[in-house]
Amino acid sequence: RFFEGPENAIFERGVATLQDGEAVIEMPDYFKIVAAEEGISVQLTPRSNDSQGLSAVEVTRDRIVVRELASGKGNYDFDFFVTALRAGYGPHKVDRKREHSAGYSPVGSRRP
C-alpha cells in the first residue's frame, strides 16, 4: 500500500452494509495505531438506486458511523474509502525525478 502525494497518508477501503439506515465501520488496529486524530477523510458510494445519499456522521481513528440522508432507513451495500494523515509525519515533497517506463510521459512534460 503506497500513496504518492504531498503528505504521508494511509488508507482503508472496502464494502459495508447499511441496515435500517445506519452502518458502523470498525477500523483495523493498524489504522488506529498509525492515523493522526486530525486529517481523516471518508468517501462513500451507495450501491443502490434507491439511496437517499450517505453521510459519515462520526469519523475517528476507531470507527466511522454512516447514516442515510433524510433519516432514510435503507438496507444496501456501499463502498468506502478512508484516508488519514500518518501521526508524527509532516508534509513532504513528492519525488518526481524517477525513471519512467518506455512510452510514459507525465502530464505537462515533454519527451526528449
N, C-alpha and C. Protein backbone atom coordinates (compact mmCIF):
# COMPACT_ATOMS: atom_id res chain seq x y z
N ARG A 1 0.84 -1.17 0.00
CA ARG A 1 0.00 0.00 0.00
C ARG A 1 0.89 1.24 0.00
N PHE A 2 0.90 1.93 -1.12
CA PHE A 2 1.70 3.15 -1.21
C PHE A 2 0.87 4.26 -1.81
N PHE A 3 1.01 5.43 -1.26
CA PHE A 3 0.42 6.65 -1.82
C PHE A 3 1.55 7.53 -2.28
N GLU A 4 1.35 8.23 -3.34
CA GLU A 4 2.30 9.24 -3.77
C GLU A 4 1.57 10.56 -3.73
N GLY A 5 2.04 11.49 -2.96
CA GLY A 5 1.39 12.78 -2.83
C GLY A 5 2.15 13.67 -1.87
N PRO A 6 1.62 14.85 -1.59
CA PRO A 6 2.33 15.83 -0.76
C PRO A 6 2.19 15.59 0.74
N GLU A 7 1.76 14.40 1.16
CA GLU A 7 1.63 14.09 2.57
C GLU A 7 1.83 12.60 2.78
N ASN A 8 2.17 12.23 3.99
CA ASN A 8 2.28 10.81 4.35
C ASN A 8 0.90 10.36 4.82
N ALA A 9 0.32 9.41 4.10
CA ALA A 9 -1.05 9.01 4.40
C ALA A 9 -1.18 7.49 4.41
N ILE A 10 -2.27 7.02 5.00
CA ILE A 10 -2.64 5.61 4.98
C ILE A 10 -4.10 5.53 4.52
N PHE A 11 -4.54 4.34 4.18
CA PHE A 11 -5.93 4.20 3.75
C PHE A 11 -6.50 2.86 4.15
N GLU A 12 -7.82 2.82 4.15
CA GLU A 12 -8.57 1.59 4.33
C GLU A 12 -9.77 1.70 3.40
N ARG A 13 -10.11 0.63 2.73
CA ARG A 13 -11.25 0.66 1.82
C ARG A 13 -11.97 -0.67 1.90
N GLY A 14 -13.22 -0.67 1.45
CA GLY A 14 -13.96 -1.91 1.46
C GLY A 14 -15.42 -1.69 1.14
N VAL A 15 -16.23 -2.69 1.48
CA VAL A 15 -17.67 -2.65 1.28
C VAL A 15 -18.32 -2.89 2.64
N ALA A 16 -19.31 -2.07 2.97
CA ALA A 16 -20.06 -2.24 4.22
C ALA A 16 -21.55 -2.29 3.88
N THR A 17 -22.35 -2.66 4.86
CA THR A 17 -23.79 -2.80 4.63
C THR A 17 -24.56 -1.87 5.55
N LEU A 18 -25.41 -1.07 4.93
CA LEU A 18 -26.33 -0.20 5.65
C LEU A 18 -27.52 -1.04 6.09
N GLN A 19 -27.89 -0.97 7.37
CA GLN A 19 -29.06 -1.68 7.87
C GLN A 19 -29.93 -0.69 8.62
N ASP A 20 -31.17 -0.57 8.17
CA ASP A 20 -32.10 0.41 8.75
C ASP A 20 -31.50 1.81 8.75
N GLY A 21 -30.76 2.13 7.69
CA GLY A 21 -30.23 3.46 7.50
C GLY A 21 -28.94 3.78 8.23
N GLU A 22 -28.28 2.77 8.83
CA GLU A 22 -27.04 3.04 9.57
C GLU A 22 -26.04 1.91 9.43
N ALA A 23 -24.76 2.26 9.49
CA ALA A 23 -23.68 1.28 9.49
C ALA A 23 -22.54 1.81 10.34
N VAL A 24 -21.82 0.90 10.98
CA VAL A 24 -20.63 1.26 11.74
C VAL A 24 -19.46 0.48 11.15
N ILE A 25 -18.44 1.20 10.70
CA ILE A 25 -17.24 0.58 10.15
C ILE A 25 -16.17 0.65 11.24
N GLU A 26 -15.80 -0.50 11.79
CA GLU A 26 -14.73 -0.56 12.78
C GLU A 26 -13.40 -0.56 12.04
N MET A 27 -12.52 0.37 12.38
CA MET A 27 -11.24 0.47 11.69
C MET A 27 -10.28 -0.58 12.25
N PRO A 28 -9.40 -1.12 11.38
CA PRO A 28 -8.45 -2.14 11.82
C PRO A 28 -7.39 -1.55 12.76
N ASP A 29 -6.74 -2.42 13.52
CA ASP A 29 -5.75 -1.98 14.50
C ASP A 29 -4.64 -1.14 13.88
N TYR A 30 -4.12 -1.54 12.70
CA TYR A 30 -3.02 -0.77 12.11
C TYR A 30 -3.45 0.67 11.85
N PHE A 31 -4.70 0.88 11.47
CA PHE A 31 -5.20 2.22 11.18
C PHE A 31 -5.30 3.02 12.49
N LYS A 32 -5.83 2.41 13.53
CA LYS A 32 -5.97 3.08 14.83
C LYS A 32 -4.63 3.52 15.38
N ILE A 33 -3.60 2.71 15.18
CA ILE A 33 -2.27 3.00 15.72
C ILE A 33 -1.55 4.07 14.91
N VAL A 34 -1.67 4.03 13.60
CA VAL A 34 -0.86 4.88 12.72
C VAL A 34 -1.52 6.22 12.38
N ALA A 35 -2.84 6.29 12.31
CA ALA A 35 -3.52 7.50 11.85
C ALA A 35 -3.46 8.62 12.88
N ALA A 36 -3.32 9.85 12.38
CA ALA A 36 -3.42 11.03 13.23
C ALA A 36 -4.89 11.28 13.55
N GLU A 37 -5.16 11.93 14.68
CA GLU A 37 -6.55 12.24 15.05
C GLU A 37 -7.20 13.17 14.04
N GLU A 38 -6.44 14.14 13.55
CA GLU A 38 -6.96 15.11 12.58
C GLU A 38 -6.56 14.68 11.17
N GLY A 39 -7.35 15.06 10.19
CA GLY A 39 -6.98 14.78 8.81
C GLY A 39 -7.51 13.47 8.26
N ILE A 40 -8.62 12.98 8.79
CA ILE A 40 -9.24 11.76 8.28
C ILE A 40 -10.34 12.15 7.29
N SER A 41 -10.31 11.55 6.11
CA SER A 41 -11.31 11.82 5.07
C SER A 41 -12.03 10.54 4.71
N VAL A 42 -13.33 10.65 4.41
CA VAL A 42 -14.15 9.48 4.09
C VAL A 42 -14.91 9.74 2.79
N GLN A 43 -14.86 8.76 1.89
CA GLN A 43 -15.66 8.79 0.67
C GLN A 43 -16.60 7.59 0.70
N LEU A 44 -17.86 7.83 0.36
CA LEU A 44 -18.89 6.79 0.41
C LEU A 44 -19.61 6.73 -0.93
N THR A 45 -19.83 5.50 -1.43
CA THR A 45 -20.54 5.32 -2.69
C THR A 45 -21.63 4.27 -2.50
N PRO A 46 -22.91 4.69 -2.50
CA PRO A 46 -24.00 3.73 -2.34
C PRO A 46 -24.08 2.77 -3.53
N ARG A 47 -24.48 1.54 -3.27
CA ARG A 47 -24.70 0.55 -4.33
C ARG A 47 -26.19 0.28 -4.48
N SER A 48 -26.96 1.36 -4.47
CA SER A 48 -28.42 1.24 -4.59
C SER A 48 -28.96 2.46 -5.30
N ASN A 49 -29.84 2.22 -6.28
CA ASN A 49 -30.51 3.33 -6.96
C ASN A 49 -31.52 4.02 -6.05
N ASP A 50 -31.94 3.36 -5.00
CA ASP A 50 -32.93 3.92 -4.09
C ASP A 50 -32.30 4.72 -2.95
N SER A 51 -30.98 4.82 -2.93
CA SER A 51 -30.30 5.54 -1.86
C SER A 51 -30.69 7.01 -1.85
N GLN A 52 -30.86 7.55 -0.66
CA GLN A 52 -31.10 8.98 -0.49
C GLN A 52 -29.80 9.74 -0.26
N GLY A 53 -28.69 9.01 -0.32
CA GLY A 53 -27.37 9.59 -0.06
C GLY A 53 -26.87 9.14 1.29
N LEU A 54 -25.56 9.26 1.50
CA LEU A 54 -24.92 8.80 2.73
C LEU A 54 -24.10 9.91 3.36
N SER A 55 -23.97 9.86 4.68
CA SER A 55 -23.16 10.82 5.40
C SER A 55 -22.33 10.09 6.46
N ALA A 56 -21.07 10.49 6.58
CA ALA A 56 -20.22 9.98 7.66
C ALA A 56 -20.44 10.93 8.85
N VAL A 57 -21.25 10.51 9.80
CA VAL A 57 -21.64 11.39 10.90
C VAL A 57 -20.69 11.34 12.08
N GLU A 58 -19.86 10.30 12.15
CA GLU A 58 -18.81 10.21 13.18
C GLU A 58 -17.57 9.65 12.50
N VAL A 59 -16.46 10.36 12.61
CA VAL A 59 -15.22 9.96 11.96
C VAL A 59 -14.09 10.03 12.99
N THR A 60 -13.58 8.86 13.38
CA THR A 60 -12.45 8.78 14.30
C THR A 60 -11.49 7.71 13.81
N ARG A 61 -10.35 7.59 14.47
CA ARG A 61 -9.40 6.52 14.13
C ARG A 61 -10.00 5.15 14.43
N ASP A 62 -10.94 5.09 15.35
CA ASP A 62 -11.52 3.82 15.78
C ASP A 62 -12.66 3.33 14.90
N ARG A 63 -13.49 4.27 14.45
CA ARG A 63 -14.66 3.85 13.69
C ARG A 63 -15.25 4.99 12.88
N ILE A 64 -16.05 4.60 11.87
CA ILE A 64 -16.78 5.52 11.04
C ILE A 64 -18.26 5.14 11.16
N VAL A 65 -19.09 6.10 11.55
CA VAL A 65 -20.53 5.87 11.62
C VAL A 65 -21.16 6.52 10.39
N VAL A 66 -21.91 5.73 9.63
CA VAL A 66 -22.53 6.18 8.38
C VAL A 66 -24.04 6.12 8.54
N ARG A 67 -24.71 7.18 8.07
CA ARG A 67 -26.17 7.19 8.08
C ARG A 67 -26.70 7.64 6.73
N GLU A 68 -27.88 7.14 6.39
CA GLU A 68 -28.54 7.57 5.16
C GLU A 68 -29.14 8.96 5.40
N LEU A 69 -29.05 9.80 4.39
CA LEU A 69 -29.59 11.16 4.47
C LEU A 69 -31.11 11.14 4.60
N ALA A 70 -31.67 12.26 5.04
CA ALA A 70 -33.12 12.45 5.16
C ALA A 70 -33.76 11.40 6.07
N SER A 71 -33.00 10.96 7.08
CA SER A 71 -33.49 9.95 8.03
C SER A 71 -33.94 8.67 7.34
N GLY A 72 -33.28 8.36 6.20
CA GLY A 72 -33.61 7.15 5.46
C GLY A 72 -33.37 5.88 6.26
N LYS A 73 -34.02 4.83 5.88
CA LYS A 73 -33.93 3.53 6.57
C LYS A 73 -33.50 2.43 5.60
N GLY A 74 -32.65 2.80 4.62
CA GLY A 74 -32.24 1.86 3.59
C GLY A 74 -31.43 0.69 4.10
N ASN A 75 -31.46 -0.39 3.31
CA ASN A 75 -30.70 -1.62 3.57
C ASN A 75 -29.98 -1.98 2.28
N TYR A 76 -28.70 -1.64 2.18
CA TYR A 76 -27.93 -1.92 0.97
C TYR A 76 -26.44 -1.78 1.25
N ASP A 77 -25.64 -2.30 0.34
CA ASP A 77 -24.18 -2.19 0.44
C ASP A 77 -23.71 -0.84 -0.06
N PHE A 78 -22.54 -0.42 0.43
CA PHE A 78 -21.89 0.78 -0.07
C PHE A 78 -20.38 0.59 0.01
N ASP A 79 -19.67 1.26 -0.88
CA ASP A 79 -18.21 1.25 -0.87
C ASP A 79 -17.73 2.38 0.02
N PHE A 80 -16.60 2.15 0.70
CA PHE A 80 -16.00 3.22 1.49
C PHE A 80 -14.50 3.28 1.21
N PHE A 81 -13.97 4.48 1.31
CA PHE A 81 -12.53 4.73 1.14
C PHE A 81 -12.16 5.77 2.19
N VAL A 82 -11.31 5.39 3.13
CA VAL A 82 -10.91 6.26 4.23
C VAL A 82 -9.42 6.53 4.11
N THR A 83 -9.04 7.80 4.12
CA THR A 83 -7.64 8.18 4.13
C THR A 83 -7.35 8.99 5.38
N ALA A 84 -6.13 8.90 5.86
CA ALA A 84 -5.73 9.65 7.06
C ALA A 84 -4.26 10.02 6.96
N LEU A 85 -3.94 11.14 7.57
CA LEU A 85 -2.54 11.52 7.72
C LEU A 85 -1.90 10.57 8.72
N ARG A 86 -0.63 10.25 8.50
CA ARG A 86 0.10 9.43 9.46
C ARG A 86 0.53 10.32 10.63
N ALA A 87 0.32 9.83 11.84
CA ALA A 87 0.72 10.58 13.03
C ALA A 87 2.24 10.75 13.05
N GLY A 88 2.68 11.96 13.37
CA GLY A 88 4.11 12.23 13.51
C GLY A 88 4.84 12.56 12.23
N TYR A 89 4.15 12.64 11.11
CA TYR A 89 4.78 12.97 9.84
C TYR A 89 4.21 14.27 9.31
N GLY A 90 5.10 15.18 8.94
CA GLY A 90 4.66 16.43 8.33
C GLY A 90 4.59 16.29 6.83
N PRO A 91 4.26 17.38 6.15
CA PRO A 91 4.23 17.35 4.68
C PRO A 91 5.60 17.01 4.11
N HIS A 92 5.63 16.42 2.94
CA HIS A 92 6.89 16.13 2.28
C HIS A 92 6.76 16.46 0.80
N LYS A 93 7.91 16.56 0.16
CA LYS A 93 7.93 16.87 -1.26
C LYS A 93 7.83 15.58 -2.06
N VAL A 94 6.97 15.58 -3.07
CA VAL A 94 6.79 14.41 -3.93
C VAL A 94 8.02 14.26 -4.80
N ASP A 95 8.55 13.04 -4.92
CA ASP A 95 9.72 12.76 -5.75
C ASP A 95 9.27 12.50 -7.18
N ARG A 96 9.46 13.49 -8.03
CA ARG A 96 9.06 13.35 -9.43
C ARG A 96 10.26 13.00 -10.31
N LYS A 97 11.43 12.89 -9.73
CA LYS A 97 12.63 12.54 -10.50
C LYS A 97 12.86 11.04 -10.40
N ARG A 98 12.14 10.31 -11.17
CA ARG A 98 12.31 8.86 -11.21
C ARG A 98 12.27 8.42 -12.66
N GLU A 99 12.84 7.31 -12.91
CA GLU A 99 12.84 6.80 -14.28
C GLU A 99 11.46 6.26 -14.61
N HIS A 100 11.00 6.58 -15.79
CA HIS A 100 9.69 6.13 -16.24
C HIS A 100 9.86 5.04 -17.29
N SER A 101 8.87 4.19 -17.36
CA SER A 101 8.91 3.13 -18.36
C SER A 101 8.74 3.73 -19.75
N ALA A 102 9.15 3.00 -20.75
CA ALA A 102 9.06 3.47 -22.13
C ALA A 102 7.62 3.79 -22.48
N GLY A 103 7.42 4.92 -23.13
CA GLY A 103 6.10 5.32 -23.57
C GLY A 103 5.31 6.09 -22.55
N TYR A 104 5.84 6.25 -21.32
CA TYR A 104 5.13 7.00 -20.29
C TYR A 104 5.67 8.41 -20.23
N SER A 105 4.79 9.37 -20.17
CA SER A 105 5.19 10.76 -20.04
C SER A 105 4.25 11.45 -19.08
N PRO A 106 4.75 11.99 -17.94
CA PRO A 106 3.86 12.66 -17.01
C PRO A 106 3.15 13.84 -17.67
N VAL A 107 1.97 14.16 -17.21
CA VAL A 107 1.21 15.28 -17.74
C VAL A 107 2.05 16.55 -17.66
N GLY A 108 2.08 17.30 -18.75
CA GLY A 108 2.79 18.58 -18.76
C GLY A 108 4.28 18.45 -19.05
N SER A 109 4.78 17.24 -19.24
CA SER A 109 6.21 17.10 -19.53
C SER A 109 6.40 16.83 -21.02
N ARG A 110 7.60 17.05 -21.46
CA ARG A 110 7.93 16.78 -22.86
C ARG A 110 8.92 15.64 -22.91
N ARG A 111 8.67 14.74 -23.84
CA ARG A 111 9.62 13.65 -24.02
C ARG A 111 10.75 14.15 -24.90
N PRO A 112 11.99 13.76 -24.62
CA PRO A 112 13.14 14.22 -25.44
C PRO A 112 13.08 13.73 -26.86
